[in-house]
Protein backbone atom coordinates (compact mmCIF):
# COMPACT_ATOMS: atom_id res chain seq x y z
CA MET A 1 12.89 10.39 -5.46
CA THR A 2 13.59 6.73 -4.74
CA ILE A 3 11.25 4.24 -3.44
CA GLU A 4 13.85 3.99 -0.27
CA ASP A 5 13.64 7.79 0.04
CA ALA A 6 9.83 7.94 0.20
CA ILE A 7 9.93 4.72 2.64
CA ASP A 8 12.15 6.79 4.54
CA LEU A 9 9.87 10.21 4.17
CA MET A 10 6.34 7.79 5.09
CA LYS A 11 8.70 6.64 8.25
CA ASN A 12 8.58 10.00 9.28
CA LYS A 13 5.31 10.95 8.28
CA ASP A 14 5.98 13.16 5.16
CA GLU A 15 3.15 12.74 3.24
CA ARG A 16 5.23 13.46 0.14
CA GLY A 17 6.30 9.74 0.95
CA LEU A 18 2.84 8.16 0.36
CA SER A 19 2.16 10.68 -2.52
CA PHE A 20 5.51 8.56 -4.18
CA ILE A 21 4.58 5.29 -3.51
CA TYR A 22 0.94 5.68 -4.28
CA ASP A 23 1.64 7.46 -7.58
CA HIS A 24 4.38 3.79 -8.02
CA TYR A 25 1.95 1.52 -6.79
CA SER A 26 -1.68 2.10 -6.25
CA ARG A 27 -2.52 0.26 -9.73
CA SER A 28 -0.75 -2.54 -9.11
CA LEU A 29 -2.39 -3.03 -5.72
CA PHE A 30 -6.29 -2.11 -7.22
CA GLY A 31 -5.70 -4.87 -9.72
CA ILE A 32 -4.72 -7.25 -6.66
CA ILE A 33 -7.50 -5.87 -4.64
CA LEU A 34 -10.32 -6.14 -7.47
CA SER A 35 -9.14 -9.88 -8.49
CA ILE A 36 -10.49 -10.68 -5.16
CA VAL A 37 -13.67 -8.30 -4.32
CA LYS A 38 -14.63 -7.95 -8.56
CA SER A 39 -16.39 -4.63 -7.71
CA GLU A 40 -14.38 -1.27 -9.08
CA LYS A 41 -16.71 0.57 -6.21
CA LEU A 42 -15.66 -1.73 -3.03
CA GLY A 43 -12.18 -1.99 -4.82
CA GLU A 44 -11.99 1.58 -4.62
CA GLU A 45 -12.90 1.43 -0.98
CA ILE A 46 -10.36 -0.99 0.28
CA LEU A 47 -7.83 0.79 -1.96
CA GLN A 48 -8.31 3.87 -0.03
CA GLN A 49 -8.29 1.77 3.56
CA THR A 50 -4.89 0.01 2.40
CA PHE A 51 -3.01 3.09 1.77
CA LEU A 52 -4.21 4.46 5.29
CA LYS A 53 -3.14 0.57 6.83
CA ILE A 54 0.23 1.25 5.20
CA TRP A 55 0.66 4.78 6.39
CA LYS A 56 0.04 3.99 9.87
CA ASN A 57 2.32 0.69 9.74
CA ILE A 58 5.10 1.90 7.57
CA HIS A 59 7.21 1.42 10.77
CA THR A 60 6.68 -2.39 11.23
CA TYR A 61 8.02 -2.44 7.49
CA ASP A 62 11.37 -4.29 7.44
CA ASN A 63 13.47 -4.34 3.83
CA ASN A 64 15.80 -6.94 5.37
CA LYS A 65 12.26 -9.24 5.39
CA SER A 66 10.78 -8.18 2.25
CA THR A 67 10.25 -6.21 -0.76
CA ILE A 68 7.84 -2.93 -0.16
CA PHE A 69 6.15 -4.50 -2.53
CA THR A 70 5.40 -7.46 -1.31
CA TRP A 71 4.22 -5.73 2.37
CA MET A 72 1.86 -3.69 0.40
CA ALA A 73 0.71 -6.38 -1.49
CA ARG A 74 -0.14 -8.74 1.59
CA ILE A 75 -2.04 -5.73 2.89
CA ALA A 76 -3.94 -4.98 0.10
CA ARG A 77 -4.94 -9.04 -0.59
CA ASN A 78 -5.77 -9.08 3.33
CA SER A 79 -7.68 -6.49 3.30
CA ALA A 80 -9.95 -7.26 0.51
CA ILE A 81 -10.59 -10.88 1.59
CA ASP A 82 -11.46 -9.18 4.91
CA GLN A 83 -14.40 -7.64 3.11
């Protein structure tokens, strides 16, 4: 499966796409979150919230504006700052 395939699956509300994206990007997104909140426990909660936001808002992702990682990193960063 490619990243593009996973995005298409997610846009069709297929959880296999989310699982693929999580496996490929959760460690990097957790690093971004952890650099802001400095707490692993809080970071894990924010990571979970981040993936819920990604799942709910994947229809707003536009690959002409940014890469999927940049889009998700922005969500992760903003979620961490909001905490």
